[in-house]
């Protein structure tokens, strides 16, 4: 099947706002560099104490415009009950086949939220599922070259970070994108502190590299460098 768009980067989150929390600054930076980027939300985030399916969808669309991404899709997995099932693997695999991303960014395997952990497992399995032939998928088989895990800033779990991305010029875009989720971070007073926490975390990571702000990432596999000077 002919593709309408091929993505350089596909960010897969359990809920609307997970991509922005985890790597919103990196998304904005790489859009400025000219890359094609999409977000896949595995659920619409409902039910939650604040908001509705319609509000959450509108907020996600607003955030997508702020980040200037090329596409955003939402699957029908249920918030709080996301499972690593064959059905859900196939749903994500079809999105991978559809957009053929060079890099997938998603949740790390360690997290306090069961939905996040489930999505990590789903994406890992879907990477394999997407390359299979003789399936019912309407899209051609595709094997994404690389999966990367963002450091979900509000998880408060210490994990090894393999590399940092400089978001000094895009931290404000990240915060504006998060502000689009008014029902979650403005109307919900319990979550308002997330903005300070995210900036503090990005500042701490930036200090480790001698810059103002950074986002951290880890990788499940070794990656090969042909020219060691490219890491400078």
C-alpha atoms as a PDB file:
ATOM      1  CA  UNK A   1       0.000   0.000   0.000  1.00  0.00           C
ATOM      2  CA  UNK A   2       1.322   3.457  -0.902  1.00  0.00           C
ATOM      3  CA  UNK A   3       2.034   5.701   2.080  1.00  0.00           C
ATOM      4  CA  UNK A   4       0.700   9.230   2.415  1.00  0.00           C
ATOM      5  CA  UNK A   5       3.524  10.141   4.785  1.00  0.00           C
ATOM      6  CA  UNK A   6       6.638   8.495   6.174  1.00  0.00           C
ATOM      7  CA  UNK A   7       7.730   9.605   9.614  1.00  0.00           C
ATOM      8  CA  UNK A   8      11.231  10.085  10.883  1.00  0.00           C
ATOM      9  CA  UNK A   9      10.027   9.811  14.479  1.00  0.00           C
ATOM     10  CA  UNK A  10       6.872   8.275  15.977  1.00  0.00           C
ATOM     11  CA  UNK A  11       6.230   8.925  19.667  1.00  0.00           C
ATOM     12  CA  UNK A  12       3.875   6.408  21.276  1.00  0.00           C
ATOM     13  CA  UNK A  13       2.277   7.215  24.633  1.00  0.00           C
ATOM     14  CA  UNK A  14      -0.376   5.569  26.741  1.00  0.00           C
ATOM     15  CA  UNK A  15      -2.415   8.748  27.162  1.00  0.00           C
ATOM     16  CA  UNK A  16      -2.692  12.229  25.657  1.00  0.00           C
ATOM     17  CA  UNK A  17       0.045  14.374  27.298  1.00  0.00           C
ATOM     18  CA  UNK A  18       2.466  11.456  27.858  1.00  0.00           C
ATOM     19  CA  UNK A  19       4.429  12.302  24.705  1.00  0.00           C
ATOM     20  CA  UNK A  20       4.620  15.957  25.699  1.00  0.00           C
ATOM     21  CA  UNK A  21       5.711  15.155  29.253  1.00  0.00           C
ATOM     22  CA  UNK A  22       8.285  12.609  28.142  1.00  0.00           C
ATOM     23  CA  UNK A  23       9.857  14.333  25.158  1.00  0.00           C
ATOM     24  CA  UNK A  24       7.938  17.463  24.161  1.00  0.00           C
ATOM     25  CA  UNK A  25      11.122  19.501  23.939  1.00  0.00           C
ATOM     26  CA  UNK A  26      12.792  16.902  21.728  1.00  0.00           C
ATOM     27  CA  UNK A  27       9.747  16.774  19.459  1.00  0.00           C
ATOM     28  CA  UNK A  28       9.798  20.558  19.062  1.00  0.00           C
ATOM     29  CA  UNK A  29      13.566  20.634  18.470  1.00  0.00           C
ATOM     30  CA  UNK A  30      13.462  17.985  15.769  1.00  0.00           C
ATOM     31  CA  UNK A  31      10.510  19.633  14.041  1.00  0.00           C
ATOM     32  CA  UNK A  32      12.638  22.774  13.862  1.00  0.00           C
ATOM     33  CA  UNK A  33      15.365  20.622  12.283  1.00  0.00           C
ATOM     34  CA  UNK A  34      12.929  19.597   9.558  1.00  0.00           C
ATOM     35  CA  UNK A  35      12.023  16.052  10.572  1.00  0.00           C
ATOM     36  CA  UNK A  36       8.567  14.519  10.119  1.00  0.00           C
ATOM     37  CA  UNK A  37       7.130  13.539  13.491  1.00  0.00           C
ATOM     38  CA  UNK A  38       3.904  11.919  14.660  1.00  0.00           C
ATOM     39  CA  UNK A  39       2.320  11.020  17.985  1.00  0.00           C
ATOM     40  CA  UNK A  40       0.208   7.953  18.716  1.00  0.00           C
ATOM     41  CA  UNK A  41      -1.938   8.068  21.866  1.00  0.00           C
ATOM     42  CA  UNK A  42      -2.995   4.532  22.751  1.00  0.00           C
ATOM     43  CA  UNK A  43      -6.027   5.812  24.667  1.00  0.00           C
ATOM     44  CA  UNK A  44      -8.014   9.030  24.851  1.00  0.00           C
ATOM     45  CA  UNK A  45      -7.128   9.319  28.545  1.00  0.00           C
ATOM     46  CA  UNK A  46     -10.651   8.820  29.812  1.00  0.00           C
ATOM     47  CA  UNK A  47     -12.036   8.314  32.363  1.00  0.00           C
ATOM     48  CA  UNK A  48     -10.249  10.894  34.517  1.00  0.00           C
ATOM     49  CA  UNK A  49     -11.501  13.135  37.348  1.00  0.00           C
ATOM     50  CA  UNK A  50     -11.339  16.143  35.012  1.00  0.00           C
ATOM     51  CA  UNK A  51     -12.280  16.423  31.367  1.00  0.00           C
ATOM     52  CA  UNK A  52     -14.238  14.328  28.889  1.00  0.00           C
ATOM     53  CA  UNK A  53     -13.367  12.403  25.715  1.00  0.00           C
ATOM     54  CA  UNK A  54     -14.272  15.453  23.641  1.00  0.00           C
ATOM     55  CA  UNK A  55     -12.213  17.828  25.782  1.00  0.00           C
ATOM     56  CA  UNK A  56      -9.202  15.510  25.851  1.00  0.00           C
ATOM     57  CA  UNK A  57      -9.287  15.141  22.055  1.00  0.00           C
ATOM     58  CA  UNK A  58      -9.508  18.907  21.597  1.00  0.00           C
ATOM     59  CA  UNK A  59      -6.613  19.475  24.004  1.00  0.00           C
ATOM     60  CA  UNK A  60      -4.441  16.888  22.252  1.00  0.00           C
ATOM     61  CA  UNK A  61      -5.138  18.581  18.932  1.00  0.00           C
ATOM     62  CA  UNK A  62      -4.181  21.958  20.371  1.00  0.00           C
ATOM     63  CA  UNK A  63      -0.929  20.537  21.759  1.00  0.00           C
ATOM     64  CA  UNK A  64      -0.160  18.967  18.374  1.00  0.00           C
ATOM     65  CA  UNK A  65      -0.488  22.363  16.694  1.00  0.00           C
ATOM     66  CA  UNK A  66       1.836  23.954  19.243  1.00  0.00           C
ATOM     67  CA  UNK A  67       4.441  21.252  18.609  1.00  0.00           C
ATOM     68  CA  UNK A  68       3.820  21.569  14.844  1.00  0.00           C
ATOM     69  CA  UNK A  69       3.818  17.786  14.377  1.00  0.00           C
ATOM     70  CA  UNK A  70       2.779  16.139  11.128  1.00  0.00           C
ATOM     71  CA  UNK A  71       0.138  13.738  12.435  1.00  0.00           C
ATOM     72  CA  UNK A  72      -1.509  12.516  15.626  1.00  0.00           C
ATOM     73  CA  UNK A  73      -3.710   9.453  16.053  1.00  0.00           C
ATOM     74  CA  UNK A  74      -5.628   7.999  18.984  1.00  0.00           C
ATOM     75  CA  UNK A  75      -6.376   4.309  19.490  1.00  0.00           C
ATOM     76  CA  UNK A  76      -9.309   2.908  21.460  1.00  0.00           C
ATOM     77  CA  UNK A  77      -7.486   1.306  24.380  1.00  0.00           C
ATOM     78  CA  UNK A  78      -9.099   2.121  27.714  1.00  0.00           C
ATOM     79  CA  UNK A  79      -7.366   4.347  30.239  1.00  0.00           C
ATOM     80  CA  UNK A  80      -6.425   2.439  33.429  1.00  0.00           C
ATOM     81  CA  UNK A  81      -7.016  -0.912  31.715  1.00  0.00           C
ATOM     82  CA  UNK A  82      -4.456  -1.049  28.899  1.00  0.00           C
ATOM     83  CA  UNK A  83      -3.258  -4.614  28.389  1.00  0.00           C
ATOM     84  CA  UNK A  84      -0.445  -6.196  26.417  1.00  0.00           C
ATOM     85  CA  UNK A  85      -2.834  -8.213  24.272  1.00  0.00           C
ATOM     86  CA  UNK A  86      -2.505  -9.583  20.745  1.00  0.00           C
ATOM     87  CA  UNK A  87      -5.287  -7.237  19.667  1.00  0.00           C
ATOM     88  CA  UNK A  88      -3.473  -4.164  20.979  1.00  0.00           C
ATOM     89  CA  UNK A  89      -0.154  -5.272  19.497  1.00  0.00           C
ATOM     90  CA  UNK A  90      -1.784  -5.523  16.071  1.00  0.00           C
ATOM     91  CA  UNK A  91      -3.313  -2.043  16.426  1.00  0.00           C
ATOM     92  CA  UNK A  92       0.071  -0.496  17.160  1.00  0.00           C
ATOM     93  CA  UNK A  93       1.802  -2.623  14.520  1.00  0.00           C
ATOM     94  CA  UNK A  94      -0.599  -1.295  11.888  1.00  0.00           C
ATOM     95  CA  UNK A  95       0.314   2.284  12.826  1.00  0.00           C
ATOM     96  CA  UNK A  96       4.006   1.384  12.581  1.00  0.00           C
ATOM     97  CA  UNK A  97       3.403  -0.151   9.150  1.00  0.00           C
ATOM     98  CA  UNK A  98       1.350   2.858   8.092  1.00  0.00           C
ATOM     99  CA  UNK A  99       3.994   5.484   8.885  1.00  0.00           C
ATOM    100  CA  UNK A 100       7.237   3.451   8.722  1.00  0.00           C
ATOM    101  CA  UNK A 101       9.095   5.534  11.329  1.00  0.00           C
ATOM    102  CA  UNK A 102      12.881   5.455  11.517  1.00  0.00           C
ATOM    103  CA  UNK A 103      12.752   5.894  15.291  1.00  0.00           C
ATOM    104  CA  UNK A 104      10.024   5.030  17.801  1.00  0.00           C
ATOM    105  CA  UNK A 105      10.062   6.804  21.165  1.00  0.00           C
ATOM    106  CA  UNK A 106       7.934   5.360  23.961  1.00  0.00           C
ATOM    107  CA  UNK A 107       7.651   4.623  27.676  1.00  0.00           C
ATOM    108  CA  UNK A 108      10.502   2.871  29.498  1.00  0.00           C
ATOM    109  CA  UNK A 109       9.854  -0.585  30.976  1.00  0.00           C
ATOM    110  CA  UNK A 110       9.988   0.701  34.570  1.00  0.00           C
ATOM    111  CA  UNK A 111       7.150   3.002  35.625  1.00  0.00           C
ATOM    112  CA  UNK A 112       4.646   3.417  38.446  1.00  0.00           C
ATOM    113  CA  UNK A 113       1.705   3.548  36.010  1.00  0.00           C
ATOM    114  CA  UNK A 114       0.540   0.133  34.796  1.00  0.00           C
ATOM    115  CA  UNK A 115      -0.700   1.624  31.510  1.00  0.00           C
ATOM    116  CA  UNK A 116       2.776   2.971  30.765  1.00  0.00           C
ATOM    117  CA  UNK A 117       4.387  -0.401  31.449  1.00  0.00           C
ATOM    118  CA  UNK A 118       1.800  -2.129  29.255  1.00  0.00           C
ATOM    119  CA  UNK A 119       2.436   0.265  26.359  1.00  0.00           C
ATOM    120  CA  UNK A 120       6.172  -0.387  26.607  1.00  0.00           C
ATOM    121  CA  UNK A 121       5.500  -4.105  26.197  1.00  0.00           C
ATOM    122  CA  UNK A 122       2.943  -3.534  23.440  1.00  0.00           C
ATOM    123  CA  UNK A 123       5.343  -1.390  21.417  1.00  0.00           C
ATOM    124  CA  UNK A 124       8.184  -3.885  21.796  1.00  0.00           C
ATOM    125  CA  UNK A 125       5.932  -6.688  20.566  1.00  0.00           C
ATOM    126  CA  UNK A 126       4.402  -4.521  17.836  1.00  0.00           C
ATOM    127  CA  UNK A 127       7.863  -3.788  16.433  1.00  0.00           C
ATOM    128  CA  UNK A 128       8.175  -7.507  15.693  1.00  0.00           C
ATOM    129  CA  UNK A 129       4.524  -7.856  14.629  1.00  0.00           C
ATOM    130  CA  UNK A 130       4.908  -5.059  12.079  1.00  0.00           C
ATOM    131  CA  UNK A 131       7.494  -6.974  10.042  1.00  0.00           C
ATOM    132  CA  UNK A 132       5.393 -10.115   9.585  1.00  0.00           C
ATOM    133  CA  UNK A 133       4.089 -11.119   6.182  1.00  0.00           C
ATOM    134  CA  UNK A 134       0.821 -12.929   5.408  1.00  0.00           C
ATOM    135  CA  UNK A 135      -1.280 -10.875   7.826  1.00  0.00           C
ATOM    136  CA  UNK A 136      -4.626  -9.116   7.512  1.00  0.00           C
ATOM    137  CA  UNK A 137      -2.996  -5.687   7.782  1.00  0.00           C
ATOM    138  CA  UNK A 138      -3.857  -3.221   5.000  1.00  0.00           C
ATOM    139  CA  UNK A 139      -0.264  -1.937   5.142  1.00  0.00           C
ATOM    140  CA  UNK A 140       3.018  -3.354   3.927  1.00  0.00           C
ATOM    141  CA  UNK A 141       5.316  -5.016   6.428  1.00  0.00           C
ATOM    142  CA  UNK A 142       7.967  -2.819   8.045  1.00  0.00           C
ATOM    143  CA  UNK A 143      10.596  -3.277  10.738  1.00  0.00           C
ATOM    144  CA  UNK A 144      11.448  -0.032  12.576  1.00  0.00           C
ATOM    145  CA  UNK A 145      15.211   0.340  13.013  1.00  0.00           C
ATOM    146  CA  UNK A 146      15.233   1.766  16.527  1.00  0.00           C
ATOM    147  CA  UNK A 147      13.184   2.061  19.731  1.00  0.00           C
ATOM    148  CA  UNK A 148      14.132   4.708  22.292  1.00  0.00           C
ATOM    149  CA  UNK A 149      12.661   5.257  25.756  1.00  0.00           C
ATOM    150  CA  UNK A 150      11.939   8.730  27.079  1.00  0.00           C
ATOM    151  CA  UNK A 151      12.541   9.549  30.729  1.00  0.00           C
ATOM    152  CA  UNK A 152       9.008  10.209  31.958  1.00  0.00           C
ATOM    153  CA  UNK A 153       9.652  13.235  34.131  1.00  0.00           C
ATOM    154  CA  UNK A 154       6.932  12.782  36.759  1.00  0.00           C
ATOM    155  CA  UNK A 155       7.496   9.050  37.340  1.00  0.00           C
ATOM    156  CA  UNK A 156      10.100   9.811  40.058  1.00  0.00           C
ATOM    157  CA  UNK A 157      11.997   6.629  39.266  1.00  0.00           C
ATOM    158  CA  UNK A 158      15.770   6.667  38.926  1.00  0.00           C
ATOM    159  CA  UNK A 159      16.909   4.931  35.749  1.00  0.00           C
ATOM    160  CA  UNK A 160      20.005   4.873  33.602  1.00  0.00           C
ATOM    161  CA  UNK A 161      20.004   7.529  30.911  1.00  0.00           C
ATOM    162  CA  UNK A 162      22.018   6.773  27.782  1.00  0.00           C
ATOM    163  CA  UNK A 163      21.943  10.170  26.108  1.00  0.00           C
ATOM    164  CA  UNK A 164      20.575  13.699  26.437  1.00  0.00           C
ATOM    165  CA  UNK A 165      18.897  15.975  23.901  1.00  0.00           C
ATOM    166  CA  UNK A 166      19.439  19.724  24.166  1.00  0.00           C
ATOM    167  CA  UNK A 167      16.032  21.395  24.574  1.00  0.00           C
ATOM    168  CA  UNK A 168      17.288  24.776  25.782  1.00  0.00           C
ATOM    169  CA  UNK A 169      15.620  26.469  22.803  1.00  0.00           C
ATOM    170  CA  UNK A 170      12.392  24.441  22.994  1.00  0.00           C
ATOM    171  CA  UNK A 171      11.601  24.061  26.705  1.00  0.00           C
ATOM    172  CA  UNK A 172       9.074  26.891  26.388  1.00  0.00           C
ATOM    173  CA  UNK A 173       7.354  25.097  23.492  1.00  0.00           C
ATOM    174  CA  UNK A 174       7.119  21.978  25.654  1.00  0.00           C
ATOM    175  CA  UNK A 175       5.538  23.924  28.516  1.00  0.00           C
ATOM    176  CA  UNK A 176       3.072  25.628  26.161  1.00  0.00           C
ATOM    177  CA  UNK A 177       2.086  22.242  24.734  1.00  0.00           C
ATOM    178  CA  UNK A 178       1.461  20.924  28.247  1.00  0.00           C
ATOM    179  CA  UNK A 179      -0.602  24.005  29.056  1.00  0.00           C
ATOM    180  CA  UNK A 180      -2.914  22.928  26.236  1.00  0.00           C
ATOM    181  CA  UNK A 181      -4.086  20.166  28.589  1.00  0.00           C
ATOM    182  CA  UNK A 182      -6.057  22.600  30.705  1.00  0.00           C
ATOM    183  CA  UNK A 183      -8.342  19.929  32.152  1.00  0.00           C
ATOM    184  CA  UNK A 184      -5.382  17.973  33.491  1.00  0.00           C
ATOM    185  CA  UNK A 185      -2.872  20.586  34.619  1.00  0.00           C
ATOM    186  CA  UNK A 186      -4.790  23.827  35.172  1.00  0.00           C
ATOM    187  CA  UNK A 187      -8.273  22.813  36.331  1.00  0.00           C
ATOM    188  CA  UNK A 188      -6.803  19.935  38.345  1.00  0.00           C
ATOM    189  CA  UNK A 189      -4.979  21.701  41.165  1.00  0.00           C
ATOM    190  CA  UNK A 190      -3.238  18.509  42.273  1.00  0.00           C
ATOM    191  CA  UNK A 191      -1.267  18.467  39.005  1.00  0.00           C
ATOM    192  CA  UNK A 192      -0.226  22.114  38.742  1.00  0.00           C
ATOM    193  CA  UNK A 193       3.182  21.447  40.279  1.00  0.00           C
ATOM    194  CA  UNK A 194       4.147  19.360  37.247  1.00  0.00           C
ATOM    195  CA  UNK A 195       5.362  22.435  35.356  1.00  0.00           C
ATOM    196  CA  UNK A 196       7.969  23.313  37.981  1.00  0.00           C
ATOM    197  CA  UNK A 197       8.955  19.664  38.338  1.00  0.00           C
ATOM    198  CA  UNK A 198       9.482  19.258  34.602  1.00  0.00           C
ATOM    199  CA  UNK A 199      11.587  22.409  34.324  1.00  0.00           C
ATOM    200  CA  UNK A 200      13.631  21.437  37.381  1.00  0.00           C
ATOM    201  CA  UNK A 201      14.282  17.967  35.937  1.00  0.00           C
ATOM    202  CA  UNK A 202      15.224  19.400  32.539  1.00  0.00           C
ATOM    203  CA  UNK A 203      17.511  21.915  34.243  1.00  0.00           C
ATOM    204  CA  UNK A 204      19.234  19.179  36.255  1.00  0.00           C
ATOM    205  CA  UNK A 205      19.814  17.056  33.158  1.00  0.00           C
ATOM    206  CA  UNK A 206      21.026  20.080  31.233  1.00  0.00           C
ATOM    207  CA  UNK A 207      23.613  20.828  33.898  1.00  0.00           C
ATOM    208  CA  UNK A 208      25.123  17.386  33.361  1.00  0.00           C
ATOM    209  CA  UNK A 209      25.931  18.405  29.776  1.00  0.00           C
ATOM    210  CA  UNK A 210      26.787  22.043  30.415  1.00  0.00           C
ATOM    211  CA  UNK A 211      23.597  23.391  28.851  1.00  0.00           C
ATOM    212  CA  UNK A 212      20.425  24.974  30.202  1.00  0.00           C
ATOM    213  CA  UNK A 213      17.787  22.282  29.619  1.00  0.00           C
ATOM    214  CA  UNK A 214      17.822  18.676  28.391  1.00  0.00           C
ATOM    215  CA  UNK A 215      15.623  15.592  28.096  1.00  0.00           C
ATOM    216  CA  UNK A 216      16.988  12.138  28.840  1.00  0.00           C
ATOM    217  CA  UNK A 217      16.585   8.914  26.886  1.00  0.00           C
ATOM    218  CA  UNK A 218      17.586   5.282  27.246  1.00  0.00           C
ATOM    219  CA  UNK A 219      17.897   2.459  24.746  1.00  0.00           C
ATOM    220  CA  UNK A 220      17.186  -1.273  25.037  1.00  0.00           C
ATOM    221  CA  UNK A 221      19.904  -2.167  22.526  1.00  0.00           C
ATOM    222  CA  UNK A 222      23.459  -1.155  21.715  1.00  0.00           C
ATOM    223  CA  UNK A 223      23.814   1.191  18.787  1.00  0.00           C
ATOM    224  CA  UNK A 224      26.654   1.168  16.293  1.00  0.00           C
ATOM    225  CA  UNK A 225      28.857   4.192  15.576  1.00  0.00           C
ATOM    226  CA  UNK A 226      30.865   4.116  12.341  1.00  0.00           C
ATOM    227  CA  UNK A 227      32.725   7.343  13.127  1.00  0.00           C
ATOM    228  CA  UNK A 228      33.351   8.072  16.802  1.00  0.00           C
ATOM    229  CA  UNK A 229      33.693  11.800  16.094  1.00  0.00           C
ATOM    230  CA  UNK A 230      29.959  11.920  15.365  1.00  0.00           C
ATOM    231  CA  UNK A 231      29.261  11.720  19.105  1.00  0.00           C
ATOM    232  CA  UNK A 232      30.906  15.104  19.702  1.00  0.00           C
END
